[in-house]
Amino acid sequence: MKTITISDDAYRRLESLKGGRSFSETIEELIAGSAGARIDRLLELGSSKTGREDELSEVVKGIRERTRARSS
């Protein structure tokens, strides 16, 4: 376990998001959601025909697997 310091404003915002969950669970969910949004953006960018769609698909697959492994 580690201790972090955040601003009072960040604490209040995080506290309002957490509901009945722990701060750690809330932060993990926010991180996973952020990664998911980045993956969706990569897929959107990759939808244009560049000839590298397979390569992009493999990169996205790897990101998803690493993100799942960290949140487990």
PDB file of N, CA and C in Angstrom:
ATOM      1  N   MET A   1       0.847  -1.167   0.000  1.00  0.00           N
ATOM      2  CA  MET A   1       0.000   0.000   0.000  1.00  0.00           C
ATOM      3  C   MET A   1       0.893   1.231   0.000  1.00  0.00           C
ATOM      4  N   LYS A   2       0.474   2.256  -0.738  1.00  0.00           N
ATOM      5  CA  LYS A   2       1.210   3.512  -0.846  1.00  0.00           C
ATOM      6  C   LYS A   2       0.307   4.670  -0.445  1.00  0.00           C
ATOM      7  N   THR A   3       0.916   5.738  -0.016  1.00  0.00           N
ATOM      8  CA  THR A   3       0.195   6.959   0.324  1.00  0.00           C
ATOM      9  C   THR A   3       0.476   7.994  -0.750  1.00  0.00           C
ATOM     10  N   ILE A   4      -0.566   8.678  -1.207  1.00  0.00           N
ATOM     11  CA  ILE A   4      -0.399   9.751  -2.186  1.00  0.00           C
ATOM     12  C   ILE A   4      -1.006  11.023  -1.615  1.00  0.00           C
ATOM     13  N   THR A   5      -0.562  12.153  -2.122  1.00  0.00           N
ATOM     14  CA  THR A   5      -1.102  13.442  -1.711  1.00  0.00           C
ATOM     15  C   THR A   5      -1.766  14.073  -2.919  1.00  0.00           C
ATOM     16  N   ILE A   6      -3.009  14.534  -2.724  1.00  0.00           N
ATOM     17  CA  ILE A   6      -3.737  15.218  -3.791  1.00  0.00           C
ATOM     18  C   ILE A   6      -4.319  16.510  -3.221  1.00  0.00           C
ATOM     19  N   SER A   7      -4.686  17.408  -4.106  1.00  0.00           N
ATOM     20  CA  SER A   7      -5.260  18.678  -3.657  1.00  0.00           C
ATOM     21  C   SER A   7      -6.630  18.441  -3.020  1.00  0.00           C
ATOM     22  N   ASP A   8      -7.058  19.386  -2.221  1.00  0.00           N
ATOM     23  CA  ASP A   8      -8.372  19.286  -1.590  1.00  0.00           C
ATOM     24  C   ASP A   8      -9.475  19.195  -2.641  1.00  0.00           C
ATOM     25  N   ASP A   9      -9.332  19.970  -3.717  1.00  0.00           N
ATOM     26  CA  ASP A   9     -10.337  19.940  -4.777  1.00  0.00           C
ATOM     27  C   ASP A   9     -10.393  18.559  -5.439  1.00  0.00           C
ATOM     28  N   ALA A  10      -9.228  17.994  -5.739  1.00  0.00           N
ATOM     29  CA  ALA A  10      -9.188  16.655  -6.337  1.00  0.00           C
ATOM     30  C   ALA A  10      -9.796  15.623  -5.390  1.00  0.00           C
ATOM     31  N   TYR A  11      -9.525  15.762  -4.103  1.00  0.00           N
ATOM     32  CA  TYR A  11     -10.089  14.839  -3.111  1.00  0.00           C
ATOM     33  C   TYR A  11     -11.617  14.916  -3.113  1.00  0.00           C
ATOM     34  N   ARG A  12     -12.150  16.126  -3.087  1.00  0.00           N
ATOM     35  CA  ARG A  12     -13.609  16.287  -3.078  1.00  0.00           C
ATOM     36  C   ARG A  12     -14.233  15.698  -4.345  1.00  0.00           C
ATOM     37  N   ARG A  13     -13.603  15.923  -5.477  1.00  0.00           N
ATOM     38  CA  ARG A  13     -14.136  15.389  -6.740  1.00  0.00           C
ATOM     39  C   ARG A  13     -14.098  13.866  -6.746  1.00  0.00           C
ATOM     40  N   LEU A  14     -12.990  13.305  -6.289  1.00  0.00           N
ATOM     41  CA  LEU A  14     -12.854  11.855  -6.227  1.00  0.00           C
ATOM     42  C   LEU A  14     -13.844  11.260  -5.226  1.00  0.00           C
ATOM     43  N   GLU A  15     -13.995  11.906  -4.097  1.00  0.00           N
ATOM     44  CA  GLU A  15     -14.930  11.432  -3.080  1.00  0.00           C
ATOM     45  C   GLU A  15     -16.365  11.422  -3.615  1.00  0.00           C
ATOM     46  N   SER A  16     -16.723  12.432  -4.422  1.00  0.00           N
ATOM     47  CA  SER A  16     -18.083  12.482  -4.968  1.00  0.00           C
ATOM     48  C   SER A  16     -18.318  11.381  -6.001  1.00  0.00           C
ATOM     49  N   LEU A  17     -17.259  10.906  -6.631  1.00  0.00           N
ATOM     50  CA  LEU A  17     -17.379   9.846  -7.640  1.00  0.00           C
ATOM     51  C   LEU A  17     -17.423   8.447  -7.035  1.00  0.00           C
ATOM     52  N   LYS A  18     -16.856   8.279  -5.857  1.00  0.00           N
ATOM     53  CA  LYS A  18     -16.631   6.935  -5.345  1.00  0.00           C
ATOM     54  C   LYS A  18     -17.866   6.229  -4.808  1.00  0.00           C
ATOM     55  N   GLY A  19     -18.865   6.957  -4.340  1.00  0.00           N
ATOM     56  CA  GLY A  19     -20.048   6.284  -3.802  1.00  0.00           C
ATOM     57  C   GLY A  19     -19.643   5.342  -2.681  1.00  0.00           C
ATOM     58  N   GLY A  20     -20.089   4.079  -2.748  1.00  0.00           N
ATOM     59  CA  GLY A  20     -19.771   3.097  -1.717  1.00  0.00           C
ATOM     60  C   GLY A  20     -18.475   2.349  -1.948  1.00  0.00           C
ATOM     61  N   ARG A  21     -17.770   2.684  -3.018  1.00  0.00           N
ATOM     62  CA  ARG A  21     -16.517   1.991  -3.336  1.00  0.00           C
ATOM     63  C   ARG A  21     -15.346   2.626  -2.603  1.00  0.00           C
ATOM     64  N   SER A  22     -14.228   1.937  -2.600  1.00  0.00           N
ATOM     65  CA  SER A  22     -13.006   2.501  -2.017  1.00  0.00           C
ATOM     66  C   SER A  22     -12.396   3.494  -3.016  1.00  0.00           C
ATOM     67  N   PHE A  23     -11.497   4.324  -2.510  1.00  0.00           N
ATOM     68  CA  PHE A  23     -10.798   5.247  -3.396  1.00  0.00           C
ATOM     69  C   PHE A  23      -9.992   4.465  -4.441  1.00  0.00           C
ATOM     70  N   SER A  24      -9.362   3.378  -4.017  1.00  0.00           N
ATOM     71  CA  SER A  24      -8.569   2.572  -4.959  1.00  0.00           C
ATOM     72  C   SER A  24      -9.436   2.022  -6.082  1.00  0.00           C
ATOM     73  N   GLU A  25     -10.598   1.498  -5.741  1.00  0.00           N
ATOM     74  CA  GLU A  25     -11.508   0.966  -6.768  1.00  0.00           C
ATOM     75  C   GLU A  25     -11.943   2.065  -7.729  1.00  0.00           C
ATOM     76  N   THR A  26     -12.221   3.236  -7.187  1.00  0.00           N
ATOM     77  CA  THR A  26     -12.653   4.359  -8.014  1.00  0.00           C
ATOM     78  C   THR A  26     -11.551   4.796  -8.963  1.00  0.00           C
ATOM     79  N   ILE A  27     -10.331   4.896  -8.460  1.00  0.00           N
ATOM     80  CA  ILE A  27      -9.204   5.297  -9.300  1.00  0.00           C
ATOM     81  C   ILE A  27      -8.954   4.259 -10.386  1.00  0.00           C
ATOM     82  N   GLU A  28      -8.998   2.968 -10.023  1.00  0.00           N
ATOM     83  CA  GLU A  28      -8.812   1.898 -11.014  1.00  0.00           C
ATOM     84  C   GLU A  28      -9.852   1.998 -12.128  1.00  0.00           C
ATOM     85  N   GLU A  29     -11.102   2.254 -11.755  1.00  0.00           N
ATOM     86  CA  GLU A  29     -12.168   2.378 -12.750  1.00  0.00           C
ATOM     87  C   GLU A  29     -11.929   3.571 -13.673  1.00  0.00           C
ATOM     88  N   LEU A  30     -11.497   4.692 -13.103  1.00  0.00           N
ATOM     89  CA  LEU A  30     -11.207   5.875 -13.914  1.00  0.00           C
ATOM     90  C   LEU A  30     -10.059   5.619 -14.884  1.00  0.00           C
ATOM     91  N   ILE A  31      -9.035   4.929 -14.415  1.00  0.00           N
ATOM     92  CA  ILE A  31      -7.889   4.615 -15.275  1.00  0.00           C
ATOM     93  C   ILE A  31      -8.317   3.692 -16.411  1.00  0.00           C
ATOM     94  N   ALA A  32      -9.083   2.663 -16.079  1.00  0.00           N
ATOM     95  CA  ALA A  32      -9.543   1.723 -17.108  1.00  0.00           C
ATOM     96  C   ALA A  32     -10.425   2.431 -18.129  1.00  0.00           C
ATOM     97  N   GLY A  33     -11.285   3.320 -17.663  1.00  0.00           N
ATOM     98  CA  GLY A  33     -12.149   4.069 -18.577  1.00  0.00           C
ATOM     99  C   GLY A  33     -11.360   4.959 -19.501  1.00  0.00           C
ATOM    100  N   SER A  34     -10.311   5.573 -18.972  1.00  0.00           N
ATOM    101  CA  SER A  34      -9.455   6.434 -19.772  1.00  0.00           C
ATOM    102  C   SER A  34      -8.726   5.621 -20.844  1.00  0.00           C
ATOM    103  N   ALA A  35      -8.246   4.445 -20.458  1.00  0.00           N
ATOM    104  CA  ALA A  35      -7.567   3.574 -21.426  1.00  0.00           C
ATOM    105  C   ALA A  35      -8.549   3.136 -22.501  1.00  0.00           C
ATOM    106  N   GLY A  36      -9.774   2.819 -22.100  1.00  0.00           N
ATOM    107  CA  GLY A  36     -10.792   2.413 -23.062  1.00  0.00           C
ATOM    108  C   GLY A  36     -11.084   3.512 -24.073  1.00  0.00           C
ATOM    109  N   ALA A  37     -11.135   4.747 -23.601  1.00  0.00           N
ATOM    110  CA  ALA A  37     -11.376   5.877 -24.495  1.00  0.00           C
ATOM    111  C   ALA A  37     -10.232   6.044 -25.488  1.00  0.00           C
ATOM    112  N   ARG A  38      -8.991   5.849 -25.007  1.00  0.00           N
ATOM    113  CA  ARG A  38      -7.834   5.951 -25.913  1.00  0.00           C
ATOM    114  C   ARG A  38      -7.857   4.835 -26.949  1.00  0.00           C
ATOM    115  N   ILE A  39      -8.249   3.640 -26.530  1.00  0.00           N
ATOM    116  CA  ILE A  39      -8.347   2.523 -27.469  1.00  0.00           C
ATOM    117  C   ILE A  39      -9.393   2.826 -28.528  1.00  0.00           C
ATOM    118  N   ASP A  40     -10.547   3.330 -28.112  1.00  0.00           N
ATOM    119  CA  ASP A  40     -11.601   3.680 -29.067  1.00  0.00           C
ATOM    120  C   ASP A  40     -11.115   4.720 -30.065  1.00  0.00           C
ATOM    121  N   ARG A  41     -10.337   5.689 -29.599  1.00  0.00           N
ATOM    122  CA  ARG A  41      -9.796   6.723 -30.486  1.00  0.00           C
ATOM    123  C   ARG A  41      -8.814   6.119 -31.479  1.00  0.00           C
ATOM    124  N   LEU A  42      -7.974   5.193 -31.013  1.00  0.00           N
ATOM    125  CA  LEU A  42      -7.051   4.512 -31.926  1.00  0.00           C
ATOM    126  C   LEU A  42      -7.809   3.766 -33.011  1.00  0.00           C
ATOM    127  N   LEU A  43      -8.865   3.082 -32.605  1.00  0.00           N
ATOM    128  CA  LEU A  43      -9.667   2.346 -33.578  1.00  0.00           C
ATOM    129  C   LEU A  43     -10.309   3.287 -34.582  1.00  0.00           C
ATOM    130  N   GLU A  44     -10.782   4.413 -34.097  1.00  0.00           N
ATOM    131  CA  GLU A  44     -11.391   5.407 -34.984  1.00  0.00           C
ATOM    132  C   GLU A  44     -10.371   5.929 -35.992  1.00  0.00           C
ATOM    133  N   LEU A  45      -9.183   6.245 -35.494  1.00  0.00           N
ATOM    134  CA  LEU A  45      -8.123   6.725 -36.388  1.00  0.00           C
ATOM    135  C   LEU A  45      -7.703   5.644 -37.370  1.00  0.00           C
ATOM    136  N   GLY A  46      -7.721   4.405 -36.922  1.00  0.00           N
ATOM    137  CA  GLY A  46      -7.298   3.297 -37.767  1.00  0.00           C
ATOM    138  C   GLY A  46      -8.336   2.866 -38.782  1.00  0.00           C
ATOM    139  N   SER A  47      -9.524   3.427 -38.691  1.00  0.00           N
ATOM    140  CA  SER A  47     -10.570   3.011 -39.626  1.00  0.00           C
ATOM    141  C   SER A  47     -10.332   3.571 -41.025  1.00  0.00           C
ATOM    142  N   SER A  48      -9.466   4.583 -41.132  1.00  0.00           N
ATOM    143  CA  SER A  48      -9.126   5.070 -42.466  1.00  0.00           C
ATOM    144  C   SER A  48      -8.175   4.065 -43.107  1.00  0.00           C
ATOM    145  N   LYS A  49      -8.325   3.840 -44.352  1.00  0.00           N
ATOM    146  CA  LYS A  49      -7.552   2.812 -45.053  1.00  0.00           C
ATOM    147  C   LYS A  49      -6.116   3.268 -45.274  1.00  0.00           C
ATOM    148  N   THR A  50      -5.220   2.713 -44.469  1.00  0.00           N
ATOM    149  CA  THR A  50      -3.800   3.064 -44.576  1.00  0.00           C
ATOM    150  C   THR A  50      -2.953   1.862 -44.977  1.00  0.00           C
ATOM    151  N   GLY A  51      -3.557   0.671 -44.953  1.00  0.00           N
ATOM    152  CA  GLY A  51      -2.793  -0.534 -45.228  1.00  0.00           C
ATOM    153  C   GLY A  51      -2.151  -1.108 -43.985  1.00  0.00           C
ATOM    154  N   ARG A  52      -2.352  -0.459 -42.831  1.00  0.00           N
ATOM    155  CA  ARG A  52      -1.738  -0.921 -41.584  1.00  0.00           C
ATOM    156  C   ARG A  52      -2.796  -1.292 -40.550  1.00  0.00           C
ATOM    157  N   GLU A  53      -4.015  -1.581 -41.001  1.00  0.00           N
ATOM    158  CA  GLU A  53      -5.117  -1.885 -40.093  1.00  0.00           C
ATOM    159  C   GLU A  53      -4.839  -3.111 -39.230  1.00  0.00           C
ATOM    160  N   ASP A  54      -4.207  -4.140 -39.808  1.00  0.00           N
ATOM    161  CA  ASP A  54      -3.891  -5.349 -39.052  1.00  0.00           C
ATOM    162  C   ASP A  54      -2.897  -5.043 -37.930  1.00  0.00           C
ATOM    163  N   GLU A  55      -1.921  -4.222 -38.242  1.00  0.00           N
ATOM    164  CA  GLU A  55      -0.921  -3.843 -37.247  1.00  0.00           C
ATOM    165  C   GLU A  55      -1.586  -3.057 -36.106  1.00  0.00           C
ATOM    166  N   LEU A  56      -2.452  -2.112 -36.447  1.00  0.00           N
ATOM    167  CA  LEU A  56      -3.157  -1.337 -35.437  1.00  0.00           C
ATOM    168  C   LEU A  56      -4.038  -2.233 -34.586  1.00  0.00           C
ATOM    169  N   SER A  57      -4.695  -3.172 -35.212  1.00  0.00           N
ATOM    170  CA  SER A  57      -5.554  -4.100 -34.487  1.00  0.00           C
ATOM    171  C   SER A  57      -4.757  -4.896 -33.460  1.00  0.00           C
ATOM    172  N   GLU A  58      -3.550  -5.319 -33.800  1.00  0.00           N
ATOM    173  CA  GLU A  58      -2.693  -6.055 -32.869  1.00  0.00           C
ATOM    174  C   GLU A  58      -2.244  -5.170 -31.710  1.00  0.00           C
ATOM    175  N   VAL A  59      -1.928  -3.909 -31.997  1.00  0.00           N
ATOM    176  CA  VAL A  59      -1.531  -2.970 -30.943  1.00  0.00           C
ATOM    177  C   VAL A  59      -2.683  -2.777 -29.965  1.00  0.00           C
ATOM    178  N   VAL A  60      -3.879  -2.563 -30.487  1.00  0.00           N
ATOM    179  CA  VAL A  60      -5.065  -2.364 -29.649  1.00  0.00           C
ATOM    180  C   VAL A  60      -5.327  -3.606 -28.801  1.00  0.00           C
ATOM    181  N   LYS A  61      -5.193  -4.781 -29.398  1.00  0.00           N
ATOM    182  CA  LYS A  61      -5.395  -6.027 -28.658  1.00  0.00           C
ATOM    183  C   LYS A  61      -4.411  -6.122 -27.491  1.00  0.00           C
ATOM    184  N   GLY A  62      -3.169  -5.777 -27.726  1.00  0.00           N
ATOM    185  CA  GLY A  62      -2.153  -5.809 -26.678  1.00  0.00           C
ATOM    186  C   GLY A  62      -2.456  -4.821 -25.558  1.00  0.00           C
ATOM    187  N   ILE A  63      -2.903  -3.629 -25.920  1.00  0.00           N
ATOM    188  CA  ILE A  63      -3.259  -2.623 -24.914  1.00  0.00           C
ATOM    189  C   ILE A  63      -4.415  -3.124 -24.068  1.00  0.00           C
ATOM    190  N   ARG A  64      -5.420  -3.682 -24.698  1.00  0.00           N
ATOM    191  CA  ARG A  64      -6.572  -4.195 -23.955  1.00  0.00           C
ATOM    192  C   ARG A  64      -6.161  -5.297 -22.982  1.00  0.00           C
ATOM    193  N   GLU A  65      -5.283  -6.185 -23.424  1.00  0.00           N
ATOM    194  CA  GLU A  65      -4.852  -7.294 -22.553  1.00  0.00           C
ATOM    195  C   GLU A  65      -4.060  -6.755 -21.364  1.00  0.00           C
ATOM    196  N   ARG A  66      -3.171  -5.788 -21.589  1.00  0.00           N
ATOM    197  CA  ARG A  66      -2.390  -5.226 -20.486  1.00  0.00           C
ATOM    198  C   ARG A  66      -3.287  -4.449 -19.524  1.00  0.00           C
ATOM    199  N   THR A  67      -4.272  -3.751 -20.060  1.00  0.00           N
ATOM    200  CA  THR A  67      -5.185  -2.978 -19.207  1.00  0.00           C
ATOM    201  C   THR A  67      -6.013  -3.916 -18.333  1.00  0.00           C
ATOM    202  N   ARG A  68      -6.497  -5.020 -18.914  1.00  0.00           N
ATOM    203  CA  ARG A  68      -7.260  -5.998 -18.140  1.00  0.00           C
ATOM    204  C   ARG A  68      -6.397  -6.626 -17.043  1.00  0.00           C
ATOM    205  N   ALA A  69      -5.145  -6.920 -17.378  1.00  0.00           N
ATOM    206  CA  ALA A  69      -4.242  -7.570 -16.419  1.00  0.00           C
ATOM    207  C   ALA A  69      -3.972  -6.646 -15.229  1.00  0.00           C
ATOM    208  N   ARG A  70      -3.832  -5.345 -15.480  1.00  0.00           N
ATOM    209  CA  ARG A  70      -3.579  -4.411 -14.377  1.00  0.00           C
ATOM    210  C   ARG A  70      -4.789  -4.224 -13.498  1.00  0.00           C
ATOM    211  N   SER A  71      -5.987  -4.282 -14.068  1.00  0.00           N
ATOM    212  CA  SER A  71      -7.182  -4.034 -13.269  1.00  0.00           C
ATOM    213  C   SER A  71      -7.689  -5.276 -12.566  1.00  0.00           C
ATOM    214  N   SER A  72      -7.062  -6.423 -12.797  1.00  0.00           N
ATOM    215  CA  SER A  72      -7.457  -7.672 -12.137  1.00  0.00           C
ATOM    216  C   SER A  72      -6.834  -7.797 -10.771  1.00  0.00           C
TER     217      SER A  72
END
